[in-house]
Amino acid sequence: MRSINKVILIGNVTRDPEVRTTGNGQLVATLTIATNRTWITRDNRKMQSAEYHDLVAWAHLAELCENHIRKGKLLYIEGYLKSRSWDTPEGTRKFKTEIVVDDLIMLDRNHSSDSEAVTSQIPSEIPMEELAGIGADSNFDL
């Protein structure tokens, strides 16, 4: 039986990316985006809620995040869910689920046909139509 682990989001960056280097020299960026949902209740009240999503980008994609992404930027994200666990110094087991980023496109707020693309294999300004099938190698353990 097949299974799918794919995440697609469009949201705003909530803080500048944090970039570090792992013990084996691999660059990794962490950032959070917010997605918003709006709906109308039965009594015609407009309701809104926000969800926050933790993202992880590796290698060249992490470097591009560090150089091009800032708080407030609108992003299109494709990736997959990855859960990890660790023990705190107090002996408590912690769990976290994050989105490992495969593709990331910086979207233009004025909805022009050209968007800035930030992926691991393409320059930073390419029309969205040319981005199909380009992704980052993100098969690294957190």
C-alpha atoms as a PDB file:
ATOM      1  CA  MET A   1       0.000   0.000   0.000  1.00  0.00           C
ATOM      2  CA  ARG A   2       1.268   3.463  -0.875  1.00  0.00           C
ATOM      3  CA  SER A   3       1.568   6.324   1.540  1.00  0.00           C
ATOM      4  CA  ILE A   4       2.078  10.063   1.113  1.00  0.00           C
ATOM      5  CA  ASN A   5       3.890  12.529   3.328  1.00  0.00           C
ATOM      6  CA  LYS A   6       3.630  15.886   1.536  1.00  0.00           C
ATOM      7  CA  VAL A   7       2.989  19.371   2.869  1.00  0.00           C
ATOM      8  CA  ILE A   8       2.142  22.434   0.767  1.00  0.00           C
ATOM      9  CA  LEU A   9       1.710  25.800   2.510  1.00  0.00           C
ATOM     10  CA  ILE A  10       1.576  29.478   1.679  1.00  0.00           C
ATOM     11  CA  GLY A  11       2.205  31.717   4.660  1.00  0.00           C
ATOM     12  CA  ASN A  12       4.143  34.596   6.173  1.00  0.00           C
ATOM     13  CA  VAL A  13       7.500  34.229   7.921  1.00  0.00           C
ATOM     14  CA  THR A  14       7.084  35.036  11.629  1.00  0.00           C
ATOM     15  CA  ARG A  15      10.778  35.653  12.405  1.00  0.00           C
ATOM     16  CA  ASP A  16      14.084  35.801  10.566  1.00  0.00           C
ATOM     17  CA  PRO A  17      15.559  32.332   9.894  1.00  0.00           C
ATOM     18  CA  GLU A  18      18.051  30.938  12.395  1.00  0.00           C
ATOM     19  CA  VAL A  19      20.974  29.298  10.619  1.00  0.00           C
ATOM     20  CA  ARG A  20      23.587  27.042  12.192  1.00  0.00           C
ATOM     21  CA  THR A  21      26.109  24.436  11.172  1.00  0.00           C
ATOM     22  CA  THR A  22      25.774  20.853  12.434  1.00  0.00           C
ATOM     23  CA  GLY A  23      28.690  18.922  13.915  1.00  0.00           C
ATOM     24  CA  ASN A  24      29.481  17.383  10.530  1.00  0.00           C
ATOM     25  CA  GLY A  25      29.518  20.776   8.764  1.00  0.00           C
ATOM     26  CA  GLN A  26      25.991  20.679   7.309  1.00  0.00           C
ATOM     27  CA  LEU A  27      24.162  24.033   7.156  1.00  0.00           C
ATOM     28  CA  VAL A  28      20.600  24.024   8.572  1.00  0.00           C
ATOM     29  CA  ALA A  29      18.031  26.837   8.796  1.00  0.00           C
ATOM     30  CA  THR A  30      14.957  26.891  11.021  1.00  0.00           C
ATOM     31  CA  LEU A  31      12.063  29.287  10.601  1.00  0.00           C
ATOM     32  CA  THR A  32       8.343  29.531  11.248  1.00  0.00           C
ATOM     33  CA  ILE A  33       5.514  30.573   8.947  1.00  0.00           C
ATOM     34  CA  ALA A  34       1.942  31.458   9.841  1.00  0.00           C
ATOM     35  CA  THR A  35      -1.077  30.455   7.782  1.00  0.00           C
ATOM     36  CA  ASN A  36      -4.468  32.086   8.276  1.00  0.00           C
ATOM     37  CA  ARG A  37      -7.973  30.702   7.947  1.00  0.00           C
ATOM     38  CA  THR A  38     -11.137  32.783   7.705  1.00  0.00           C
ATOM     39  CA  TRP A  39     -14.728  31.539   7.827  1.00  0.00           C
ATOM     40  CA  ILE A  40     -18.249  32.810   8.425  1.00  0.00           C
ATOM     41  CA  THR A  41     -20.340  31.296  11.202  1.00  0.00           C
ATOM     42  CA  ARG A  42     -24.038  30.420  10.872  1.00  0.00           C
ATOM     43  CA  ASP A  43     -24.915  33.725  12.534  1.00  0.00           C
ATOM     44  CA  ASN A  44     -22.778  35.643   9.936  1.00  0.00           C
ATOM     45  CA  ARG A  45     -19.835  36.413  12.201  1.00  0.00           C
ATOM     46  CA  LYS A  46     -16.452  36.498  10.490  1.00  0.00           C
ATOM     47  CA  MET A  47     -13.952  34.300  12.342  1.00  0.00           C
ATOM     48  CA  GLN A  48     -10.198  33.970  11.887  1.00  0.00           C
ATOM     49  CA  SER A  49      -7.494  31.694  13.206  1.00  0.00           C
ATOM     50  CA  ALA A  50      -3.764  31.337  12.613  1.00  0.00           C
ATOM     51  CA  GLU A  51      -1.620  28.215  12.586  1.00  0.00           C
ATOM     52  CA  TYR A  52       2.154  28.294  13.027  1.00  0.00           C
ATOM     53  CA  HIS A  53       4.405  25.825  11.225  1.00  0.00           C
ATOM     54  CA  ASP A  54       8.036  25.087  12.097  1.00  0.00           C
ATOM     55  CA  LEU A  55      10.245  24.595   9.029  1.00  0.00           C
ATOM     56  CA  VAL A  56      13.718  23.122   8.541  1.00  0.00           C
ATOM     57  CA  ALA A  57      15.835  23.725   5.432  1.00  0.00           C
ATOM     58  CA  TRP A  58      19.164  22.023   4.756  1.00  0.00           C
ATOM     59  CA  ALA A  59      22.366  22.634   2.789  1.00  0.00           C
ATOM     60  CA  HIS A  60      22.294  25.181  -0.031  1.00  0.00           C
ATOM     61  CA  LEU A  61      18.595  25.856   0.601  1.00  0.00           C
ATOM     62  CA  ALA A  62      19.491  26.885   4.185  1.00  0.00           C
ATOM     63  CA  GLU A  63      22.106  29.284   2.843  1.00  0.00           C
ATOM     64  CA  LEU A  64      19.562  30.833   0.489  1.00  0.00           C
ATOM     65  CA  CYS A  65      17.087  31.187   3.374  1.00  0.00           C
ATOM     66  CA  GLU A  66      19.731  33.009   5.387  1.00  0.00           C
ATOM     67  CA  ASN A  67      20.484  35.402   2.527  1.00  0.00           C
ATOM     68  CA  HIS A  68      16.987  36.087   1.148  1.00  0.00           C
ATOM     69  CA  ILE A  69      14.238  35.456   3.711  1.00  0.00           C
ATOM     70  CA  ARG A  70      13.164  37.897   6.403  1.00  0.00           C
ATOM     71  CA  LYS A  71      10.251  38.240   8.805  1.00  0.00           C
ATOM     72  CA  GLY A  72       6.989  39.089   7.004  1.00  0.00           C
ATOM     73  CA  LYS A  73       7.965  37.533   3.664  1.00  0.00           C
ATOM     74  CA  LEU A  74       5.218  35.522   1.950  1.00  0.00           C
ATOM     75  CA  LEU A  75       6.430  31.992   1.105  1.00  0.00           C
ATOM     76  CA  TYR A  76       5.209  28.991  -0.851  1.00  0.00           C
ATOM     77  CA  ILE A  77       6.538  25.839   0.825  1.00  0.00           C
ATOM     78  CA  GLU A  78       6.630  22.200  -0.255  1.00  0.00           C
ATOM     79  CA  GLY A  79       8.064  19.561   2.010  1.00  0.00           C
ATOM     80  CA  TYR A  80       7.309  16.627   4.277  1.00  0.00           C
ATOM     81  CA  LEU A  81       6.575  16.086   7.962  1.00  0.00           C
ATOM     82  CA  LYS A  82       9.365  14.770  10.176  1.00  0.00           C
ATOM     83  CA  SER A  83       9.010  14.039  13.884  1.00  0.00           C
ATOM     84  CA  ARG A  84      11.899  13.855  16.288  1.00  0.00           C
ATOM     85  CA  SER A  85      12.374  13.365  20.002  1.00  0.00           C
ATOM     86  CA  TRP A  86      15.034  14.181  22.584  1.00  0.00           C
ATOM     87  CA  ASP A  87      15.589  14.051  26.331  1.00  0.00           C
ATOM     88  CA  THR A  88      15.951  17.275  28.297  1.00  0.00           C
ATOM     89  CA  PRO A  89      18.623  17.618  30.998  1.00  0.00           C
ATOM     90  CA  GLU A  90      15.797  17.130  33.525  1.00  0.00           C
ATOM     91  CA  GLY A  91      15.047  13.719  31.996  1.00  0.00           C
ATOM     92  CA  THR A  92      11.808  14.671  30.223  1.00  0.00           C
ATOM     93  CA  ARG A  93      11.233  13.288  26.736  1.00  0.00           C
ATOM     94  CA  LYS A  94      10.224  16.006  24.244  1.00  0.00           C
ATOM     95  CA  PHE A  95       8.688  15.567  20.796  1.00  0.00           C
ATOM     96  CA  LYS A  96       8.481  17.938  17.851  1.00  0.00           C
ATOM     97  CA  THR A  97       7.051  17.660  14.346  1.00  0.00           C
ATOM     98  CA  GLU A  98       8.550  19.929  11.704  1.00  0.00           C
ATOM     99  CA  ILE A  99       8.261  20.423   7.963  1.00  0.00           C
ATOM    100  CA  VAL A 100      11.450  19.594   6.101  1.00  0.00           C
ATOM    101  CA  VAL A 101      11.498  21.961   3.127  1.00  0.00           C
ATOM    102  CA  ASP A 102      12.007  20.533  -0.374  1.00  0.00           C
ATOM    103  CA  ASP A 103      10.947  23.635  -2.340  1.00  0.00           C
ATOM    104  CA  LEU A 104      10.570  27.223  -1.242  1.00  0.00           C
ATOM    105  CA  ILE A 105       9.386  30.130  -3.379  1.00  0.00           C
ATOM    106  CA  MET A 106       9.323  33.720  -2.180  1.00  0.00           C
ATOM    107  CA  LEU A 107       6.017  35.137  -3.382  1.00  0.00           C
ATOM    108  CA  ASP A 108       5.467  38.706  -4.434  1.00  0.00           C
ATOM    109  CA  ARG A 109       2.683  40.485  -2.521  1.00  0.00           C
ATOM    110  CA  ASN A 110       1.552  42.398  -5.608  1.00  0.00           C
ATOM    111  CA  HIS A 111       0.720  39.100  -7.403  1.00  0.00           C
ATOM    112  CA  SER A 112       2.933  39.803 -10.410  1.00  0.00           C
ATOM    113  CA  SER A 113       3.749  36.945 -12.768  1.00  0.00           C
ATOM    114  CA  ASP A 114       7.396  36.902 -11.665  1.00  0.00           C
ATOM    115  CA  SER A 115       8.271  35.620  -8.203  1.00  0.00           C
ATOM    116  CA  GLU A 116      11.605  35.220  -6.537  1.00  0.00           C
ATOM    117  CA  ALA A 117      12.436  31.539  -6.350  1.00  0.00           C
ATOM    118  CA  VAL A 118      14.686  30.196  -3.644  1.00  0.00           C
ATOM    119  CA  THR A 119      15.517  26.550  -4.088  1.00  0.00           C
ATOM    120  CA  SER A 120      18.765  24.690  -3.852  1.00  0.00           C
ATOM    121  CA  GLN A 121      19.375  24.441  -7.591  1.00  0.00           C
ATOM    122  CA  ILE A 122      18.122  27.642  -9.226  1.00  0.00           C
ATOM    123  CA  PRO A 123      18.946  31.348  -9.135  1.00  0.00           C
ATOM    124  CA  SER A 124      16.833  33.718  -7.047  1.00  0.00           C
ATOM    125  CA  GLU A 125      14.641  35.224  -9.783  1.00  0.00           C
ATOM    126  CA  ILE A 126      12.799  32.834 -12.126  1.00  0.00           C
ATOM    127  CA  PRO A 127       9.132  32.907 -13.231  1.00  0.00           C
ATOM    128  CA  MET A 128       6.996  30.419 -11.301  1.00  0.00           C
ATOM    129  CA  GLU A 129       6.106  28.513 -14.482  1.00  0.00           C
ATOM    130  CA  GLU A 130       9.723  27.381 -14.775  1.00  0.00           C
ATOM    131  CA  LEU A 131       9.930  25.974 -11.243  1.00  0.00           C
ATOM    132  CA  ALA A 132       8.091  22.679 -11.751  1.00  0.00           C
ATOM    133  CA  GLY A 133      10.037  19.692 -10.520  1.00  0.00           C
ATOM    134  CA  ILE A 134      12.986  21.523  -8.950  1.00  0.00           C
ATOM    135  CA  GLY A 135      13.757  20.520  -5.377  1.00  0.00           C
ATOM    136  CA  ALA A 136      16.373  20.263  -2.679  1.00  0.00           C
ATOM    137  CA  ASP A 137      18.010  17.141  -1.365  1.00  0.00           C
ATOM    138  CA  SER A 138      16.838  17.117   2.226  1.00  0.00           C
ATOM    139  CA  ASN A 139      17.438  13.535   3.314  1.00  0.00           C
ATOM    140  CA  PHE A 140      19.303  14.447   6.494  1.00  0.00           C
ATOM    141  CA  ASP A 141      18.439  13.469  10.041  1.00  0.00           C
ATOM    142  CA  LEU A 142      17.557  16.245  12.468  1.00  0.00           C
END
